[in-house]
Amino acid sequence: MAATKHFRVKLSRSAAGWSKSQRATLESLGLTHMGKTAYFNDTPAIRGMLFKMVHVLEVTPVDGPRPADKRGQRFLHAAK
């Protein structure tokens, strides 16, 4: 089985004071609190959202299997 490329994304700064569209982008990524981490597949849509918010995020590209979510085997934006 081939390794899937994905991103580990952590919200490192507060979104207070940013525009409404930037806060909406963070909400759509599921990053609502500082220090929260999420995993996303490498897709053009996700890359666009990450590029828009790069000043408040820590983005780490990762090859290989993603770790399991705390609630089981559910992942955000998982490939179908």
PDB file of N, CA and C in Angstrom:
ATOM      1  N   MET A   1       0.833  -1.170   0.000  1.00  0.00           N
ATOM      2  CA  MET A   1       0.000   0.000   0.000  1.00  0.00           C
ATOM      3  C   MET A   1       0.889   1.248   0.000  1.00  0.00           C
ATOM      4  N   ALA A   2       0.595   2.194  -0.868  1.00  0.00           N
ATOM      5  CA  ALA A   2       1.399   3.398  -0.987  1.00  0.00           C
ATOM      6  C   ALA A   2       1.113   4.355   0.171  1.00  0.00           C
ATOM      7  N   ALA A   3       2.142   5.099   0.551  1.00  0.00           N
ATOM      8  CA  ALA A   3       1.985   6.075   1.620  1.00  0.00           C
ATOM      9  C   ALA A   3       1.179   7.274   1.122  1.00  0.00           C
ATOM     10  N   THR A   4       0.330   7.780   1.954  1.00  0.00           N
ATOM     11  CA  THR A   4      -0.488   8.933   1.615  1.00  0.00           C
ATOM     12  C   THR A   4       0.167  10.189   2.152  1.00  0.00           C
ATOM     13  N   LYS A   5       0.290  11.204   1.308  1.00  0.00           N
ATOM     14  CA  LYS A   5       0.859  12.459   1.762  1.00  0.00           C
ATOM     15  C   LYS A   5      -0.248  13.286   2.399  1.00  0.00           C
ATOM     16  N   HIS A   6       0.049  13.854   3.557  1.00  0.00           N
ATOM     17  CA  HIS A   6      -0.919  14.682   4.251  1.00  0.00           C
ATOM     18  C   HIS A   6      -0.187  15.757   5.045  1.00  0.00           C
ATOM     19  N   PHE A   7      -0.954  16.639   5.676  1.00  0.00           N
ATOM     20  CA  PHE A   7      -0.401  17.732   6.458  1.00  0.00           C
ATOM     21  C   PHE A   7      -0.853  17.623   7.902  1.00  0.00           C
ATOM     22  N   ARG A   8       0.055  17.926   8.808  1.00  0.00           N
ATOM     23  CA  ARG A   8      -0.283  18.093  10.219  1.00  0.00           C
ATOM     24  C   ARG A   8      -0.328  19.595  10.450  1.00  0.00           C
ATOM     25  N   VAL A   9      -1.473  20.107  10.895  1.00  0.00           N
ATOM     26  CA  VAL A   9      -1.687  21.546  11.017  1.00  0.00           C
ATOM     27  C   VAL A   9      -2.034  21.876  12.461  1.00  0.00           C
ATOM     28  N   LYS A  10      -1.336  22.864  13.023  1.00  0.00           N
ATOM     29  CA  LYS A  10      -1.581  23.290  14.398  1.00  0.00           C
ATOM     30  C   LYS A  10      -1.834  24.793  14.406  1.00  0.00           C
ATOM     31  N   LEU A  11      -2.863  25.226  15.114  1.00  0.00           N
ATOM     32  CA  LEU A  11      -3.157  26.650  15.253  1.00  0.00           C
ATOM     33  C   LEU A  11      -2.221  27.209  16.319  1.00  0.00           C
ATOM     34  N   SER A  12      -1.291  28.078  15.905  1.00  0.00           N
ATOM     35  CA  SER A  12      -0.262  28.559  16.821  1.00  0.00           C
ATOM     36  C   SER A  12      -0.511  29.966  17.342  1.00  0.00           C
ATOM     37  N   ARG A  13      -1.374  30.726  16.678  1.00  0.00           N
ATOM     38  CA  ARG A  13      -1.680  32.086  17.127  1.00  0.00           C
ATOM     39  C   ARG A  13      -3.186  32.292  17.118  1.00  0.00           C
ATOM     40  N   SER A  14      -3.614  33.251  17.899  1.00  0.00           N
ATOM     41  CA  SER A  14      -5.028  33.567  17.962  1.00  0.00           C
ATOM     42  C   SER A  14      -5.486  34.243  16.681  1.00  0.00           C
ATOM     43  N   ALA A  15      -6.732  34.013  16.308  1.00  0.00           N
ATOM     44  CA  ALA A  15      -7.298  34.640  15.117  1.00  0.00           C
ATOM     45  C   ALA A  15      -8.009  35.943  15.460  1.00  0.00           C
ATOM     46  N   ALA A  16      -7.883  36.405  16.686  1.00  0.00           N
ATOM     47  CA  ALA A  16      -8.519  37.660  17.092  1.00  0.00           C
ATOM     48  C   ALA A  16      -7.957  38.807  16.262  1.00  0.00           C
ATOM     49  N   GLY A  17      -8.851  39.600  15.705  1.00  0.00           N
ATOM     50  CA  GLY A  17      -8.430  40.742  14.907  1.00  0.00           C
ATOM     51  C   GLY A  17      -8.309  40.462  13.428  1.00  0.00           C
ATOM     52  N   TRP A  18      -8.428  39.202  13.008  1.00  0.00           N
ATOM     53  CA  TRP A  18      -8.349  38.868  11.595  1.00  0.00           C
ATOM     54  C   TRP A  18      -9.715  39.048  10.948  1.00  0.00           C
ATOM     55  N   SER A  19      -9.736  39.100   9.650  1.00  0.00           N
ATOM     56  CA  SER A  19     -10.984  39.335   8.927  1.00  0.00           C
ATOM     57  C   SER A  19     -11.965  38.180   9.112  1.00  0.00           C
ATOM     58  N   LYS A  20     -13.219  38.461   8.805  1.00  0.00           N
ATOM     59  CA  LYS A  20     -14.282  37.454   8.955  1.00  0.00           C
ATOM     60  C   LYS A  20     -14.022  36.243   8.060  1.00  0.00           C
ATOM     61  N   SER A  21     -13.526  36.466   6.843  1.00  0.00           N
ATOM     62  CA  SER A  21     -13.275  35.341   5.934  1.00  0.00           C
ATOM     63  C   SER A  21     -12.123  34.471   6.434  1.00  0.00           C
ATOM     64  N   GLN A  22     -11.117  35.082   7.067  1.00  0.00           N
ATOM     65  CA  GLN A  22     -10.011  34.292   7.606  1.00  0.00           C
ATOM     66  C   GLN A  22     -10.461  33.461   8.805  1.00  0.00           C
ATOM     67  N   ARG A  23     -11.312  34.019   9.656  1.00  0.00           N
ATOM     68  CA  ARG A  23     -11.835  33.252  10.783  1.00  0.00           C
ATOM     69  C   ARG A  23     -12.726  32.116  10.283  1.00  0.00           C
ATOM     70  N   ALA A  24     -13.482  32.373   9.210  1.00  0.00           N
ATOM     71  CA  ALA A  24     -14.321  31.322   8.635  1.00  0.00           C
ATOM     72  C   ALA A  24     -13.463  30.193   8.064  1.00  0.00           C
ATOM     73  N   THR A  25     -12.313  30.537   7.486  1.00  0.00           N
ATOM     74  CA  THR A  25     -11.395  29.523   6.965  1.00  0.00           C
ATOM     75  C   THR A  25     -10.884  28.642   8.096  1.00  0.00           C
ATOM     76  N   LEU A  26     -10.527  29.251   9.227  1.00  0.00           N
ATOM     77  CA  LEU A  26     -10.073  28.461  10.377  1.00  0.00           C
ATOM     78  C   LEU A  26     -11.176  27.546  10.885  1.00  0.00           C
ATOM     79  N   GLU A  27     -12.403  28.042  10.932  1.00  0.00           N
ATOM     80  CA  GLU A  27     -13.518  27.209  11.379  1.00  0.00           C
ATOM     81  C   GLU A  27     -13.752  26.041  10.427  1.00  0.00           C
ATOM     82  N   SER A  28     -13.625  26.291   9.125  1.00  0.00           N
ATOM     83  CA  SER A  28     -13.835  25.209   8.159  1.00  0.00           C
ATOM     84  C   SER A  28     -12.736  24.155   8.257  1.00  0.00           C
ATOM     85  N   LEU A  29     -11.550  24.559   8.703  1.00  0.00           N
ATOM     86  CA  LEU A  29     -10.478  23.593   8.938  1.00  0.00           C
ATOM     87  C   LEU A  29     -10.663  22.862  10.269  1.00  0.00           C
ATOM     88  N   GLY A  30     -11.576  23.345  11.100  1.00  0.00           N
ATOM     89  CA  GLY A  30     -11.808  22.711  12.390  1.00  0.00           C
ATOM     90  C   GLY A  30     -10.848  23.171  13.461  1.00  0.00           C
ATOM     91  N   LEU A  31     -10.133  24.265  13.210  1.00  0.00           N
ATOM     92  CA  LEU A  31      -9.168  24.783  14.175  1.00  0.00           C
ATOM     93  C   LEU A  31      -9.793  25.961  14.905  1.00  0.00           C
ATOM     94  N   THR A  32     -10.437  25.679  16.022  1.00  0.00           N
ATOM     95  CA  THR A  32     -11.185  26.706  16.726  1.00  0.00           C
ATOM     96  C   THR A  32     -10.476  27.227  17.966  1.00  0.00           C
ATOM     97  N   HIS A  33      -9.477  26.505  18.470  1.00  0.00           N
ATOM     98  CA  HIS A  33      -8.766  26.911  19.676  1.00  0.00           C
ATOM     99  C   HIS A  33      -7.263  26.842  19.435  1.00  0.00           C
ATOM    100  N   MET A  34      -6.523  27.731  20.094  1.00  0.00           N
ATOM    101  CA  MET A  34      -5.068  27.701  19.967  1.00  0.00           C
ATOM    102  C   MET A  34      -4.524  26.367  20.463  1.00  0.00           C
ATOM    103  N   GLY A  35      -3.547  25.847  19.754  1.00  0.00           N
ATOM    104  CA  GLY A  35      -2.926  24.589  20.123  1.00  0.00           C
ATOM    105  C   GLY A  35      -3.604  23.363  19.543  1.00  0.00           C
ATOM    106  N   LYS A  36      -4.756  23.540  18.907  1.00  0.00           N
ATOM    107  CA  LYS A  36      -5.480  22.403  18.330  1.00  0.00           C
ATOM    108  C   LYS A  36      -4.756  21.919  17.075  1.00  0.00           C
ATOM    109  N   THR A  37      -4.678  20.607  16.902  1.00  0.00           N
ATOM    110  CA  THR A  37      -3.991  19.990  15.776  1.00  0.00           C
ATOM    111  C   THR A  37      -4.976  19.166  14.957  1.00  0.00           C
ATOM    112  N   ALA A  38      -4.828  19.221  13.629  1.00  0.00           N
ATOM    113  CA  ALA A  38      -5.673  18.433  12.735  1.00  0.00           C
ATOM    114  C   ALA A  38      -4.809  17.906  11.594  1.00  0.00           C
ATOM    115  N   TYR A  39      -5.266  16.831  10.965  1.00  0.00           N
ATOM    116  CA  TYR A  39      -4.578  16.219   9.829  1.00  0.00           C
ATOM    117  C   TYR A  39      -5.459  16.335   8.593  1.00  0.00           C
ATOM    118  N   PHE A  40      -4.845  16.715   7.457  1.00  0.00           N
ATOM    119  CA  PHE A  40      -5.581  16.899   6.210  1.00  0.00           C
ATOM    120  C   PHE A  40      -4.836  16.247   5.059  1.00  0.00           C
ATOM    121  N   ASN A  41      -5.594  15.674   4.124  1.00  0.00           N
ATOM    122  CA  ASN A  41      -4.992  15.149   2.904  1.00  0.00           C
ATOM    123  C   ASN A  41      -4.456  16.298   2.069  1.00  0.00           C
ATOM    124  N   ASP A  42      -3.476  16.011   1.237  1.00  0.00           N
ATOM    125  CA  ASP A  42      -2.867  17.002   0.365  1.00  0.00           C
ATOM    126  C   ASP A  42      -3.734  17.169  -0.877  1.00  0.00           C
ATOM    127  N   THR A  43      -4.614  18.169  -0.857  1.00  0.00           N
ATOM    128  CA  THR A  43      -5.470  18.488  -1.995  1.00  0.00           C
ATOM    129  C   THR A  43      -5.329  19.968  -2.309  1.00  0.00           C
ATOM    130  N   PRO A  44      -5.642  20.395  -3.540  1.00  0.00           N
ATOM    131  CA  PRO A  44      -5.538  21.815  -3.876  1.00  0.00           C
ATOM    132  C   PRO A  44      -6.410  22.714  -2.996  1.00  0.00           C
ATOM    133  N   ALA A  45      -7.593  22.262  -2.609  1.00  0.00           N
ATOM    134  CA  ALA A  45      -8.475  23.070  -1.764  1.00  0.00           C
ATOM    135  C   ALA A  45      -7.859  23.290  -0.381  1.00  0.00           C
ATOM    136  N   ILE A  46      -7.319  22.230   0.203  1.00  0.00           N
ATOM    137  CA  ILE A  46      -6.693  22.338   1.522  1.00  0.00           C
ATOM    138  C   ILE A  46      -5.449  23.208   1.434  1.00  0.00           C
ATOM    139  N   ARG A  47      -4.642  23.031   0.390  1.00  0.00           N
ATOM    140  CA  ARG A  47      -3.454  23.865   0.226  1.00  0.00           C
ATOM    141  C   ARG A  47      -3.807  25.346   0.150  1.00  0.00           C
ATOM    142  N   GLY A  48      -4.913  25.668  -0.537  1.00  0.00           N
ATOM    143  CA  GLY A  48      -5.351  27.060  -0.638  1.00  0.00           C
ATOM    144  C   GLY A  48      -5.736  27.634   0.711  1.00  0.00           C
ATOM    145  N   MET A  49      -6.467  26.850   1.510  1.00  0.00           N
ATOM    146  CA  MET A  49      -6.858  27.316   2.839  1.00  0.00           C
ATOM    147  C   MET A  49      -5.634  27.490   3.747  1.00  0.00           C
ATOM    148  N   LEU A  50      -4.687  26.560   3.653  1.00  0.00           N
ATOM    149  CA  LEU A  50      -3.485  26.657   4.474  1.00  0.00           C
ATOM    150  C   LEU A  50      -2.637  27.856   4.063  1.00  0.00           C
ATOM    151  N   PHE A  51      -2.542  28.118   2.763  1.00  0.00           N
ATOM    152  CA  PHE A  51      -1.760  29.252   2.282  1.00  0.00           C
ATOM    153  C   PHE A  51      -2.376  30.566   2.758  1.00  0.00           C
ATOM    154  N   LYS A  52      -3.689  30.624   2.806  1.00  0.00           N
ATOM    155  CA  LYS A  52      -4.390  31.836   3.236  1.00  0.00           C
ATOM    156  C   LYS A  52      -4.105  32.142   4.715  1.00  0.00           C
ATOM    157  N   MET A  53      -3.918  31.109   5.521  1.00  0.00           N
ATOM    158  CA  MET A  53      -3.759  31.287   6.964  1.00  0.00           C
ATOM    159  C   MET A  53      -2.364  30.911   7.471  1.00  0.00           C
ATOM    160  N   VAL A  54      -1.372  30.924   6.607  1.00  0.00           N
ATOM    161  CA  VAL A  54      -0.034  30.467   6.977  1.00  0.00           C
ATOM    162  C   VAL A  54       0.572  31.294   8.123  1.00  0.00           C
ATOM    163  N   HIS A  55       0.126  32.518   8.319  1.00  0.00           N
ATOM    164  CA  HIS A  55       0.683  33.374   9.361  1.00  0.00           C
ATOM    165  C   HIS A  55       0.206  33.002  10.769  1.00  0.00           C
ATOM    166  N   VAL A  56      -0.801  32.149  10.916  1.00  0.00           N
ATOM    167  CA  VAL A  56      -1.265  31.725  12.235  1.00  0.00           C
ATOM    168  C   VAL A  56      -1.187  30.206  12.418  1.00  0.00           C
ATOM    169  N   LEU A  57      -0.673  29.487  11.432  1.00  0.00           N
ATOM    170  CA  LEU A  57      -0.620  28.028  11.484  1.00  0.00           C
ATOM    171  C   LEU A  57       0.803  27.509  11.466  1.00  0.00           C
ATOM    172  N   GLU A  58       0.991  26.333  12.064  1.00  0.00           N
ATOM    173  CA  GLU A  58       2.221  25.566  11.901  1.00  0.00           C
ATOM    174  C   GLU A  58       1.867  24.372  11.028  1.00  0.00           C
ATOM    175  N   VAL A  59       2.395  24.326   9.815  1.00  0.00           N
ATOM    176  CA  VAL A  59       2.060  23.270   8.862  1.00  0.00           C
ATOM    177  C   VAL A  59       3.274  22.376   8.673  1.00  0.00           C
ATOM    178  N   THR A  60       3.079  21.070   8.873  1.00  0.00           N
ATOM    179  CA  THR A  60       4.147  20.094   8.712  1.00  0.00           C
ATOM    180  C   THR A  60       3.707  19.043   7.707  1.00  0.00           C
ATOM    181  N   PRO A  61       4.384  18.940   6.537  1.00  0.00           N
ATOM    182  CA  PRO A  61       4.036  17.871   5.609  1.00  0.00           C
ATOM    183  C   PRO A  61       4.534  16.533   6.151  1.00  0.00           C
ATOM    184  N   VAL A  62       3.701  15.499   6.010  1.00  0.00           N
ATOM    185  CA  VAL A  62       4.018  14.185   6.558  1.00  0.00           C
ATOM    186  C   VAL A  62       3.713  13.134   5.499  1.00  0.00           C
ATOM    187  N   ASP A  63       4.645  12.191   5.307  1.00  0.00           N
ATOM    188  CA  ASP A  63       4.400  11.035   4.452  1.00  0.00           C
ATOM    189  C   ASP A  63       4.166   9.830   5.345  1.00  0.00           C
ATOM    190  N   GLY A  64       3.308   8.942   4.897  1.00  0.00           N
ATOM    191  CA  GLY A  64       3.030   7.747   5.675  1.00  0.00           C
ATOM    192  C   GLY A  64       1.624   7.779   6.232  1.00  0.00           C
ATOM    193  N   PRO A  65       1.283   6.780   7.031  1.00  0.00           N
ATOM    194  CA  PRO A  65      -0.082   6.701   7.564  1.00  0.00           C
ATOM    195  C   PRO A  65      -0.323   7.778   8.615  1.00  0.00           C
ATOM    196  N   ARG A  66      -1.570   8.248   8.648  1.00  0.00           N
ATOM    197  CA  ARG A  66      -1.945   9.243   9.644  1.00  0.00           C
ATOM    198  C   ARG A  66      -2.236   8.560  10.968  1.00  0.00           C
ATOM    199  N   PRO A  67      -1.954   9.226  12.079  1.00  0.00           N
ATOM    200  CA  PRO A  67      -2.308   8.645  13.376  1.00  0.00           C
ATOM    201  C   PRO A  67      -3.818   8.635  13.558  1.00  0.00           C
ATOM    202  N   ALA A  68      -4.301   7.745  14.387  1.00  0.00           N
ATOM    203  CA  ALA A  68      -5.741   7.645  14.641  1.00  0.00           C
ATOM    204  C   ALA A  68      -6.213   8.862  15.422  1.00  0.00           C
ATOM    205  N   ASP A  69      -7.435   9.281  15.138  1.00  0.00           N
ATOM    206  CA  ASP A  69      -8.073  10.357  15.875  1.00  0.00           C
ATOM    207  C   ASP A  69      -8.405   9.852  17.283  1.00  0.00           C
ATOM    208  N   LYS A  70      -8.521  10.754  18.238  1.00  0.00           N
ATOM    209  CA  LYS A  70      -8.829  10.355  19.609  1.00  0.00           C
ATOM    210  C   LYS A  70     -10.172   9.650  19.711  1.00  0.00           C
ATOM    211  N   ARG A  71     -11.091   9.936  18.785  1.00  0.00           N
ATOM    212  CA  ARG A  71     -12.418   9.336  18.824  1.00  0.00           C
ATOM    213  C   ARG A  71     -12.512   8.087  17.954  1.00  0.00           C
ATOM    214  N   GLY A  72     -11.397   7.562  17.503  1.00  0.00           N
ATOM    215  CA  GLY A  72     -11.432   6.357  16.669  1.00  0.00           C
ATOM    216  C   GLY A  72     -10.682   6.553  15.379  1.00  0.00           C
ATOM    217  N   GLN A  73     -11.155   5.966  14.323  1.00  0.00           N
ATOM    218  CA  GLN A  73     -10.475   6.009  13.034  1.00  0.00           C
ATOM    219  C   GLN A  73     -11.056   7.074  12.119  1.00  0.00           C
ATOM    220  N   ARG A  74     -11.622   8.140  12.659  1.00  0.00           N
ATOM    221  CA  ARG A  74     -12.228   9.184  11.858  1.00  0.00           C
ATOM    222  C   ARG A  74     -11.194  10.285  11.614  1.00  0.00           C
ATOM    223  N   PHE A  75     -11.091  10.755  10.376  1.00  0.00           N
ATOM    224  CA  PHE A  75     -10.160  11.813  10.017  1.00  0.00           C
ATOM    225  C   PHE A  75     -10.915  12.937   9.352  1.00  0.00           C
ATOM    226  N   LEU A  76     -10.437  14.153   9.511  1.00  0.00           N
ATOM    227  CA  LEU A  76     -11.024  15.294   8.818  1.00  0.00           C
ATOM    228  C   LEU A  76     -10.601  15.272   7.364  1.00  0.00           C
ATOM    229  N   HIS A  77     -11.515  15.495   6.453  1.00  0.00           N
ATOM    230  CA  HIS A  77     -11.258  15.574   5.016  1.00  0.00           C
ATOM    231  C   HIS A  77     -10.574  14.317   4.496  1.00  0.00           C
ATOM    232  N   ALA A  78     -10.989  13.162   4.942  1.00  0.00           N
ATOM    233  CA  ALA A  78     -10.401  11.905   4.493  1.00  0.00           C
ATOM    234  C   ALA A  78     -10.815  11.598   3.061  1.00  0.00           C
ATOM    235  N   ALA A  79      -9.921  10.986   2.321  1.00  0.00           N
ATOM    236  CA  ALA A  79     -10.214  10.604   0.932  1.00  0.00           C
ATOM    237  C   ALA A  79     -11.262   9.497   0.930  1.00  0.00           C
ATOM    238  N   LYS A  80     -12.117   9.510  -0.050  1.00  0.00           N
ATOM    239  CA  LYS A  80     -13.178   8.514  -0.138  1.00  0.00           C
ATOM    240  C   LYS A  80     -12.822   7.442  -1.129  1.00  0.00           C
TER     241      LYS A  80
END
